PDB file of all heavy atoms in Angstrom:
ATOM      1  N   ASP A   1      99.869 120.453  88.901  1.00  0.00           N
ATOM      2  CA  ASP A   1      99.998 121.877  88.530  1.00  0.00           C
ATOM      3  C   ASP A   1     100.578 122.620  89.726  1.00  0.00           C
ATOM      4  O   ASP A   1     100.200 122.365  90.820  1.00  0.00           O
ATOM      5  CB  ASP A   1      98.742 122.521  88.061  1.00  0.00           C
ATOM      6  CG  ASP A   1      98.867 123.807  87.300  1.00  0.00           C
ATOM      7  OD1 ASP A   1      99.262 124.808  87.943  1.00  0.00           O
ATOM      8  OD2 ASP A   1      98.684 123.831  86.104  1.00  0.00           O
ATOM      9  N   ASP A   2     101.511 123.555  89.470  1.00  0.00           N
ATOM     10  CA  ASP A   2     102.119 124.231  90.606  1.00  0.00           C
ATOM     11  C   ASP A   2     101.225 125.311  91.193  1.00  0.00           C
ATOM     12  O   ASP A   2     101.455 125.832  92.316  1.00  0.00           O
ATOM     13  CB  ASP A   2     103.493 124.880  90.178  1.00  0.00           C
ATOM     14  CG  ASP A   2     103.335 125.943  89.107  1.00  0.00           C
ATOM     15  OD1 ASP A   2     102.629 125.665  88.081  1.00  0.00           O
ATOM     16  OD2 ASP A   2     103.941 127.060  89.262  1.00  0.00           O
ATOM     17  N   GLU A   3     100.142 125.726  90.449  1.00  0.00           N
ATOM     18  CA  GLU A   3      99.256 126.736  90.971  1.00  0.00           C
ATOM     19  C   GLU A   3      98.115 126.098  91.740  1.00  0.00           C
ATOM     20  O   GLU A   3      97.288 125.351  91.190  1.00  0.00           O
ATOM     21  CB  GLU A   3      98.743 127.555  89.822  1.00  0.00           C
ATOM     22  CG  GLU A   3      99.857 128.395  89.174  1.00  0.00           C
ATOM     23  CD  GLU A   3      99.274 129.299  88.063  1.00  0.00           C
ATOM     24  OE1 GLU A   3      98.263 129.982  88.372  1.00  0.00           O
ATOM     25  OE2 GLU A   3      99.856 129.372  87.004  1.00  0.00           O
ATOM     26  N   GLU A   4      98.038 126.457  93.025  1.00  0.00           N
ATOM     27  CA  GLU A   4      97.032 125.848  93.902  1.00  0.00           C
ATOM     28  C   GLU A   4      95.607 126.110  93.391  1.00  0.00           C
ATOM     29  O   GLU A   4      94.731 125.262  93.436  1.00  0.00           O
ATOM     30  CB  GLU A   4      97.193 126.341  95.350  1.00  0.00           C
ATOM     31  CG  GLU A   4      96.241 125.722  96.317  1.00  0.00           C
ATOM     32  CD  GLU A   4      96.521 126.195  97.725  1.00  0.00           C
ATOM     33  OE1 GLU A   4      97.360 127.050  97.995  1.00  0.00           O
ATOM     34  OE2 GLU A   4      95.836 125.621  98.674  1.00  0.00           O
ATOM     35  N   ALA A   5      95.348 127.351  92.931  1.00  0.00           N
ATOM     36  CA  ALA A   5      94.021 127.667  92.453  1.00  0.00           C
ATOM     37  C   ALA A   5      93.605 126.799  91.280  1.00  0.00           C
ATOM     38  O   ALA A   5      92.454 126.333  91.213  1.00  0.00           O
ATOM     39  CB  ALA A   5      93.953 129.177  92.032  1.00  0.00           C
ATOM     40  N   ILE A   6      94.494 126.500  90.358  1.00  0.00           N
ATOM     41  CA  ILE A   6      94.189 125.617  89.251  1.00  0.00           C
ATOM     42  C   ILE A   6      93.895 124.219  89.745  1.00  0.00           C
ATOM     43  O   ILE A   6      92.945 123.568  89.311  1.00  0.00           O
ATOM     44  CB  ILE A   6      95.306 125.633  88.182  1.00  0.00           C
ATOM     45  CG1 ILE A   6      95.387 126.993  87.517  1.00  0.00           C
ATOM     46  CG2 ILE A   6      95.155 124.498  87.182  1.00  0.00           C
ATOM     47  CD1 ILE A   6      96.514 127.154  86.538  1.00  0.00           C
ATOM     48  N   ARG A   7      94.725 123.727  90.699  1.00  0.00           N
ATOM     49  CA  ARG A   7      94.471 122.383  91.261  1.00  0.00           C
ATOM     50  C   ARG A   7      93.114 122.312  91.920  1.00  0.00           C
ATOM     51  O   ARG A   7      92.381 121.357  91.720  1.00  0.00           O
ATOM     52  CB  ARG A   7      95.586 122.005  92.297  1.00  0.00           C
ATOM     53  CG  ARG A   7      96.914 121.781  91.686  1.00  0.00           C
ATOM     54  CD  ARG A   7      97.885 121.119  92.712  1.00  0.00           C
ATOM     55  NE  ARG A   7      97.970 121.754  94.006  1.00  0.00           N
ATOM     56  CZ  ARG A   7      98.811 122.736  94.292  1.00  0.00           C
ATOM     57  NH1 ARG A   7      99.634 123.227  93.414  1.00  0.00           N
ATOM     58  NH2 ARG A   7      98.838 123.212  95.554  1.00  0.00           N
ATOM     59  N   ASP A   8      92.784 123.333  92.674  1.00  0.00           N
ATOM     60  CA  ASP A   8      91.525 123.328  93.401  1.00  0.00           C
ATOM     61  C   ASP A   8      90.320 123.341  92.393  1.00  0.00           C
ATOM     62  O   ASP A   8      89.435 122.509  92.536  1.00  0.00           O
ATOM     63  CB  ASP A   8      91.396 124.569  94.327  1.00  0.00           C
ATOM     64  CG  ASP A   8      92.259 124.518  95.525  1.00  0.00           C
ATOM     65  OD1 ASP A   8      92.855 123.424  95.835  1.00  0.00           O
ATOM     66  OD2 ASP A   8      92.497 125.571  96.146  1.00  0.00           O
ATOM     67  N   ILE A   9      90.348 124.206  91.449  1.00  0.00           N
ATOM     68  CA  ILE A   9      89.247 124.320  90.451  1.00  0.00           C
ATOM     69  C   ILE A   9      89.149 123.082  89.640  1.00  0.00           C
ATOM     70  O   ILE A   9      88.044 122.489  89.457  1.00  0.00           O
ATOM     71  CB  ILE A   9      89.401 125.553  89.616  1.00  0.00           C
ATOM     72  CG1 ILE A   9      89.216 126.796  90.479  1.00  0.00           C
ATOM     73  CG2 ILE A   9      88.452 125.603  88.427  1.00  0.00           C
ATOM     74  CD1 ILE A   9      89.568 128.103  89.797  1.00  0.00           C
ATOM     75  N   MET A  10      90.287 122.606  89.046  1.00  0.00           N
ATOM     76  CA  MET A  10      90.236 121.462  88.170  1.00  0.00           C
ATOM     77  C   MET A  10      89.791 120.189  88.991  1.00  0.00           C
ATOM     78  O   MET A  10      89.078 119.333  88.462  1.00  0.00           O
ATOM     79  CB  MET A  10      91.584 121.200  87.492  1.00  0.00           C
ATOM     80  CG  MET A  10      91.855 122.255  86.407  1.00  0.00           C
ATOM     81  SD  MET A  10      90.667 122.187  85.056  1.00  0.00           S
ATOM     82  CE  MET A  10      89.743 123.698  85.376  1.00  0.00           C
ATOM     83  N   GLY A  11      90.322 120.051  90.198  1.00  0.00           N
ATOM     84  CA  GLY A  11      89.961 118.922  91.042  1.00  0.00           C
ATOM     85  C   GLY A  11      88.496 118.855  91.303  1.00  0.00           C
ATOM     86  O   GLY A  11      87.815 117.813  91.144  1.00  0.00           O
ATOM     87  N   LEU A  12      87.943 120.025  91.633  1.00  0.00           N
ATOM     88  CA  LEU A  12      86.477 120.111  91.899  1.00  0.00           C
ATOM     89  C   LEU A  12      85.678 119.739  90.663  1.00  0.00           C
ATOM     90  O   LEU A  12      84.747 118.938  90.702  1.00  0.00           O
ATOM     91  CB  LEU A  12      86.116 121.537  92.386  1.00  0.00           C
ATOM     92  CG  LEU A  12      84.609 121.805  92.622  1.00  0.00           C
ATOM     93  CD1 LEU A  12      84.125 120.918  93.797  1.00  0.00           C
ATOM     94  CD2 LEU A  12      84.433 123.281  92.900  1.00  0.00           C
ATOM     95  N   MET A  13      86.048 120.327  89.497  1.00  0.00           N
ATOM     96  CA  MET A  13      85.310 120.057  88.276  1.00  0.00           C
ATOM     97  C   MET A  13      85.436 118.619  87.841  1.00  0.00           C
ATOM     98  O   MET A  13      84.450 117.991  87.443  1.00  0.00           O
ATOM     99  CB  MET A  13      85.813 120.992  87.183  1.00  0.00           C
ATOM    100  CG  MET A  13      85.389 122.446  87.387  1.00  0.00           C
ATOM    101  SD  MET A  13      85.935 123.384  85.923  1.00  0.00           S
ATOM    102  CE  MET A  13      85.342 124.986  86.323  1.00  0.00           C
ATOM    103  N   LEU A  14      86.630 118.081  87.879  1.00  0.00           N
ATOM    104  CA  LEU A  14      86.780 116.747  87.449  1.00  0.00           C
ATOM    105  C   LEU A  14      86.007 115.760  88.351  1.00  0.00           C
ATOM    106  O   LEU A  14      85.428 114.784  87.838  1.00  0.00           O
ATOM    107  CB  LEU A  14      88.283 116.338  87.397  1.00  0.00           C
ATOM    108  CG  LEU A  14      89.101 116.992  86.236  1.00  0.00           C
ATOM    109  CD1 LEU A  14      90.554 116.746  86.442  1.00  0.00           C
ATOM    110  CD2 LEU A  14      88.626 116.416  84.882  1.00  0.00           C
ATOM    111  N   ARG A  15      86.046 116.029  89.591  1.00  0.00           N
ATOM    112  CA  ARG A  15      85.301 115.146  90.540  1.00  0.00           C
ATOM    113  C   ARG A  15      83.783 115.204  90.292  1.00  0.00           C
ATOM    114  O   ARG A  15      83.099 114.215  90.276  1.00  0.00           O
ATOM    115  CB  ARG A  15      85.633 115.503  91.982  1.00  0.00           C
ATOM    116  CG  ARG A  15      86.983 115.045  92.436  1.00  0.00           C
ATOM    117  CD  ARG A  15      87.278 115.372  93.887  1.00  0.00           C
ATOM    118  NE  ARG A  15      88.661 115.037  94.194  1.00  0.00           N
ATOM    119  CZ  ARG A  15      89.688 115.949  94.283  1.00  0.00           C
ATOM    120  NH1 ARG A  15      89.434 117.196  94.085  1.00  0.00           N
ATOM    121  NH2 ARG A  15      90.900 115.539  94.534  1.00  0.00           N
ATOM    122  N   ARG A  16      83.309 116.422  90.026  1.00  0.00           N
ATOM    123  CA  ARG A  16      81.899 116.596  89.716  1.00  0.00           C
ATOM    124  C   ARG A  16      81.506 115.852  88.444  1.00  0.00           C
ATOM    125  O   ARG A  16      80.363 115.440  88.279  1.00  0.00           O
ATOM    126  CB  ARG A  16      81.543 118.048  89.590  1.00  0.00           C
ATOM    127  CG  ARG A  16      81.514 118.796  90.897  1.00  0.00           C
ATOM    128  CD  ARG A  16      80.931 120.124  90.819  1.00  0.00           C
ATOM    129  NE  ARG A  16      79.474 120.015  90.556  1.00  0.00           N
ATOM    130  CZ  ARG A  16      78.715 120.987  90.109  1.00  0.00           C
ATOM    131  NH1 ARG A  16      79.273 122.146  89.889  1.00  0.00           N
ATOM    132  NH2 ARG A  16      77.429 120.811  89.901  1.00  0.00           N
ATOM    133  N   LEU A  17      82.467 115.666  87.516  1.00  0.00           N
ATOM    134  CA  LEU A  17      82.170 114.990  86.300  1.00  0.00           C
ATOM    135  C   LEU A  17      82.490 113.505  86.357  1.00  0.00           C
ATOM    136  O   LEU A  17      82.424 112.784  85.359  1.00  0.00           O
ATOM    137  CB  LEU A  17      83.040 115.604  85.179  1.00  0.00           C
ATOM    138  CG  LEU A  17      82.595 117.042  84.808  1.00  0.00           C
ATOM    139  CD1 LEU A  17      83.542 117.699  83.844  1.00  0.00           C
ATOM    140  CD2 LEU A  17      81.197 117.090  84.244  1.00  0.00           C
ATOM    141  N   GLY A  18      82.740 113.004  87.545  1.00  0.00           N
ATOM    142  CA  GLY A  18      82.875 111.587  87.741  1.00  0.00           C
ATOM    143  C   GLY A  18      84.280 110.955  87.737  1.00  0.00           C
ATOM    144  O   GLY A  18      84.423 109.774  87.733  1.00  0.00           O
ATOM    145  N   PHE A  19      85.274 111.788  87.773  1.00  0.00           N
ATOM    146  CA  PHE A  19      86.663 111.293  87.832  1.00  0.00           C
ATOM    147  C   PHE A  19      87.135 111.196  89.296  1.00  0.00           C
ATOM    148  O   PHE A  19      86.761 111.975  90.141  1.00  0.00           O
ATOM    149  CB  PHE A  19      87.608 112.227  87.118  1.00  0.00           C
ATOM    150  CG  PHE A  19      87.466 112.254  85.616  1.00  0.00           C
ATOM    151  CD1 PHE A  19      86.544 113.132  84.988  1.00  0.00           C
ATOM    152  CD2 PHE A  19      88.124 111.351  84.837  1.00  0.00           C
ATOM    153  CE1 PHE A  19      86.369 113.178  83.622  1.00  0.00           C
ATOM    154  CE2 PHE A  19      87.947 111.324  83.425  1.00  0.00           C
ATOM    155  CZ  PHE A  19      87.069 112.278  82.861  1.00  0.00           C
ATOM    156  N   SER A  20      87.958 110.201  89.530  1.00  0.00           N
ATOM    157  CA  SER A  20      88.655 110.101  90.828  1.00  0.00           C
ATOM    158  C   SER A  20      90.010 110.800  90.573  1.00  0.00           C
ATOM    159  O   SER A  20      90.757 110.393  89.670  1.00  0.00           O
ATOM    160  CB  SER A  20      88.878 108.615  91.176  1.00  0.00           C
ATOM    161  OG  SER A  20      89.664 108.537  92.269  1.00  0.00           O
ATOM    162  N   VAL A  21      90.271 111.843  91.350  1.00  0.00           N
ATOM    163  CA  VAL A  21      91.454 112.683  91.017  1.00  0.00           C
ATOM    164  C   VAL A  21      92.375 112.799  92.237  1.00  0.00           C
ATOM    165  O   VAL A  21      91.916 112.976  93.370  1.00  0.00           O
ATOM    166  CB  VAL A  21      90.960 114.122  90.633  1.00  0.00           C
ATOM    167  CG1 VAL A  21      92.160 114.964  90.208  1.00  0.00           C
ATOM    168  CG2 VAL A  21      89.918 114.073  89.539  1.00  0.00           C
ATOM    169  N   THR A  22      93.654 112.761  91.982  1.00  0.00           N
ATOM    170  CA  THR A  22      94.710 113.047  92.931  1.00  0.00           C
ATOM    171  C   THR A  22      95.372 114.316  92.457  1.00  0.00           C
ATOM    172  O   THR A  22      95.816 114.368  91.295  1.00  0.00           O
ATOM    173  CB  THR A  22      95.688 111.888  93.060  1.00  0.00           C
ATOM    174  OG1 THR A  22      95.030 110.710  93.508  1.00  0.00           O
ATOM    175  CG2 THR A  22      96.828 112.249  94.087  1.00  0.00           C
ATOM    176  N   MET A  23      95.503 115.287  93.286  1.00  0.00           N
ATOM    177  CA  MET A  23      96.143 116.532  92.935  1.00  0.00           C
ATOM    178  C   MET A  23      97.555 116.650  93.585  1.00  0.00           C
ATOM    179  O   MET A  23      97.653 116.357  94.770  1.00  0.00           O
ATOM    180  CB  MET A  23      95.302 117.754  93.397  1.00  0.00           C
ATOM    181  CG  MET A  23      93.795 117.633  92.983  1.00  0.00           C
ATOM    182  SD  MET A  23      93.554 117.489  91.212  1.00  0.00           S
ATOM    183  CE  MET A  23      93.728 119.195  90.703  1.00  0.00           C
ATOM    184  N   VAL A  24      98.544 117.099  92.777  1.00  0.00           N
ATOM    185  CA  VAL A  24      99.867 117.295  93.327  1.00  0.00           C
ATOM    186  C   VAL A  24     100.413 118.585  92.716  1.00  0.00           C
ATOM    187  O   VAL A  24     100.004 119.079  91.676  1.00  0.00           O
ATOM    188  CB  VAL A  24     100.780 116.110  92.982  1.00  0.00           C
ATOM    189  CG1 VAL A  24     100.289 114.836  93.704  1.00  0.00           C
ATOM    190  CG2 VAL A  24     100.925 115.838  91.536  1.00  0.00           C
ATOM    191  N   ALA A  25     101.498 119.132  93.405  1.00  0.00           N
ATOM    192  CA  ALA A  25     102.041 120.449  93.020  1.00  0.00           C
ATOM    193  C   ALA A  25     103.206 120.386  92.107  1.00  0.00           C
ATOM    194  O   ALA A  25     103.512 121.379  91.417  1.00  0.00           O
ATOM    195  CB  ALA A  25     102.399 121.235  94.273  1.00  0.00           C
ATOM    196  N   ASP A  26     103.973 119.251  92.068  1.00  0.00           N
ATOM    197  CA  ASP A  26     105.109 119.226  91.129  1.00  0.00           C
ATOM    198  C   ASP A  26     105.389 117.786  90.755  1.00  0.00           C
ATOM    199  O   ASP A  26     104.738 116.813  91.186  1.00  0.00           O
ATOM    200  CB  ASP A  26     106.310 119.974  91.720  1.00  0.00           C
ATOM    201  CG  ASP A  26     107.124 119.075  92.687  1.00  0.00           C
ATOM    202  OD1 ASP A  26     106.660 118.006  93.116  1.00  0.00           O
ATOM    203  OD2 ASP A  26     108.245 119.522  93.019  1.00  0.00           O
ATOM    204  N   GLY A  27     106.387 117.659  89.841  1.00  0.00           N
ATOM    205  CA  GLY A  27     106.678 116.369  89.312  1.00  0.00           C
ATOM    206  C   GLY A  27     107.141 115.321  90.344  1.00  0.00           C
ATOM    207  O   GLY A  27     106.856 114.100  90.184  1.00  0.00           O
ATOM    208  N   ARG A  28     107.892 115.747  91.313  1.00  0.00           N
ATOM    209  CA  ARG A  28     108.315 114.806  92.373  1.00  0.00           C
ATOM    210  C   ARG A  28     107.145 114.165  93.068  1.00  0.00           C
ATOM    211  O   ARG A  28     107.058 112.964  93.243  1.00  0.00           O
ATOM    212  CB  ARG A  28     109.178 115.515  93.412  1.00  0.00           C
ATOM    213  CG  ARG A  28     110.626 115.572  93.138  1.00  0.00           C
ATOM    214  CD  ARG A  28     111.418 116.148  94.268  1.00  0.00           C
ATOM    215  NE  ARG A  28     112.453 117.008  93.688  1.00  0.00           N
ATOM    216  CZ  ARG A  28     112.355 118.306  93.562  1.00  0.00           C
ATOM    217  NH1 ARG A  28     111.331 118.959  93.989  1.00  0.00           N
ATOM    218  NH2 ARG A  28     113.300 118.963  92.966  1.00  0.00           N
ATOM    219  N   GLU A  29     106.148 115.005  93.471  1.00  0.00           N
ATOM    220  CA  GLU A  29     104.917 114.480  94.067  1.00  0.00           C
ATOM    221  C   GLU A  29     104.148 113.597  93.101  1.00  0.00           C
ATOM    222  O   GLU A  29     103.539 112.597  93.511  1.00  0.00           O
ATOM    223  CB  GLU A  29     104.021 115.641  94.501  1.00  0.00           C
ATOM    224  CG  GLU A  29     104.570 116.465  95.660  1.00  0.00           C
ATOM    225  CD  GLU A  29     103.645 117.598  96.047  1.00  0.00           C
ATOM    226  OE1 GLU A  29     102.415 117.385  95.964  1.00  0.00           O
ATOM    227  OE2 GLU A  29     104.141 118.667  96.374  1.00  0.00           O
ATOM    228  N   ALA A  30     104.221 113.941  91.804  1.00  0.00           N
ATOM    229  CA  ALA A  30     103.447 113.111  90.819  1.00  0.00           C
ATOM    230  C   ALA A  30     104.099 111.750  90.736  1.00  0.00           C
ATOM    231  O   ALA A  30     103.392 110.730  90.674  1.00  0.00           O
ATOM    232  CB  ALA A  30     103.480 113.859  89.440  1.00  0.00           C
ATOM    233  N   VAL A  31     105.407 111.667  90.691  1.00  0.00           N
ATOM    234  CA  VAL A  31     106.096 110.406  90.579  1.00  0.00           C
ATOM    235  C   VAL A  31     105.800 109.541  91.829  1.00  0.00           C
ATOM    236  O   VAL A  31     105.545 108.360  91.725  1.00  0.00           O
ATOM    237  CB  VAL A  31     107.580 110.635  90.327  1.00  0.00           C
ATOM    238  CG1 VAL A  31     108.329 109.281  90.403  1.00  0.00           C
ATOM    239  CG2 VAL A  31     107.856 111.211  88.969  1.00  0.00           C
ATOM    240  N   THR A  32     105.814 110.157  92.973  1.00  0.00           N
ATOM    241  CA  THR A  32     105.570 109.441  94.238  1.00  0.00           C
ATOM    242  C   THR A  32     104.154 108.919  94.248  1.00  0.00           C
ATOM    243  O   THR A  32     103.927 107.744  94.533  1.00  0.00           O
ATOM    244  CB  THR A  32     105.803 110.375  95.463  1.00  0.00           C
ATOM    245  OG1 THR A  32     107.194 110.757  95.435  1.00  0.00           O
ATOM    246  CG2 THR A  32     105.487 109.642  96.728  1.00  0.00           C
ATOM    247  N   ALA A  33     103.142 109.737  93.932  1.00  0.00           N
ATOM    248  CA  ALA A  33     101.791 109.337  93.909  1.00  0.00           C
ATOM    249  C   ALA A  33     101.552 108.231  92.867  1.00  0.00           C
ATOM    250  O   ALA A  33     100.829 107.257  93.141  1.00  0.00           O
ATOM    251  CB  ALA A  33     100.873 110.509  93.622  1.00  0.00           C
ATOM    252  N   PHE A  34     102.198 108.324  91.745  1.00  0.00           N
ATOM    253  CA  PHE A  34     102.046 107.350  90.624  1.00  0.00           C
ATOM    254  C   PHE A  34     102.613 105.997  91.108  1.00  0.00           C
ATOM    255  O   PHE A  34     102.009 104.971  90.897  1.00  0.00           O
ATOM    256  CB  PHE A  34     102.825 107.897  89.405  1.00  0.00           C
ATOM    257  CG  PHE A  34     102.486 107.126  88.145  1.00  0.00           C
ATOM    258  CD1 PHE A  34     101.376 107.418  87.387  1.00  0.00           C
ATOM    259  CD2 PHE A  34     103.366 106.121  87.697  1.00  0.00           C
ATOM    260  CE1 PHE A  34     101.092 106.726  86.246  1.00  0.00           C
ATOM    261  CE2 PHE A  34     103.117 105.446  86.522  1.00  0.00           C
ATOM    262  CZ  PHE A  34     101.977 105.751  85.799  1.00  0.00           C
ATOM    263  N   GLY A  35     103.744 106.019  91.716  1.00  0.00           N
ATOM    264  CA  GLY A  35     104.359 104.812  92.253  1.00  0.00           C
ATOM    265  C   GLY A  35     103.562 104.132  93.328  1.00  0.00           C
ATOM    266  O   GLY A  35     103.397 102.889  93.329  1.00  0.00           O
ATOM    267  N   VAL A  36     103.008 104.937  94.205  1.00  0.00           N
ATOM    268  CA  VAL A  36     102.120 104.397  95.293  1.00  0.00           C
ATOM    269  C   VAL A  36     100.901 103.737  94.685  1.00  0.00           C
ATOM    270  O   VAL A  36     100.507 102.684  95.104  1.00  0.00           O
ATOM    271  CB  VAL A  36     101.794 105.501  96.295  1.00  0.00           C
ATOM    272  CG1 VAL A  36     100.646 105.072  97.230  1.00  0.00           C
ATOM    273  CG2 VAL A  36     102.981 105.961  97.148  1.00  0.00           C
ATOM    274  N   ALA A  37     100.275 104.443  93.723  1.00  0.00           N
ATOM    275  CA  ALA A  37      99.096 103.859  93.079  1.00  0.00           C
ATOM    276  C   ALA A  37      99.402 102.534  92.422  1.00  0.00           C
ATOM    277  O   ALA A  37      98.595 101.617  92.516  1.00  0.00           O
ATOM    278  CB  ALA A  37      98.530 104.868  92.067  1.00  0.00           C
ATOM    279  N   ILE A  38     100.522 102.419  91.747  1.00  0.00           N
ATOM    280  CA  ILE A  38     100.910 101.140  91.099  1.00  0.00           C
ATOM    281  C   ILE A  38     101.097 100.106  92.163  1.00  0.00           C
ATOM    282  O   ILE A  38     100.612  98.942  92.012  1.00  0.00           O
ATOM    283  CB  ILE A  38     102.171 101.320  90.245  1.00  0.00           C
ATOM    284  CG1 ILE A  38     101.840 102.108  88.985  1.00  0.00           C
ATOM    285  CG2 ILE A  38     102.756  99.929  89.830  1.00  0.00           C
ATOM    286  CD1 ILE A  38     103.041 102.513  88.151  1.00  0.00           C
ATOM    287  N   ALA A  39     101.780 100.439  93.251  1.00  0.00           N
ATOM    288  CA  ALA A  39     102.061  99.439  94.290  1.00  0.00           C
ATOM    289  C   ALA A  39     100.762  98.960  94.942  1.00  0.00           C
ATOM    290  O   ALA A  39     100.699  97.815  95.360  1.00  0.00           O
ATOM    291  CB  ALA A  39     102.961 100.040  95.374  1.00  0.00           C
TER     292      ALA A  39
END
């Protein structure tokens, strides 16, 4: 999500609910993080 406040809140909530979460600001970062995770 491009909004930092949304990333911060959703990251905190999802982690509290037991998810392992990576937060990114745009699609380029998402593709990079996704590729690294696969590798």
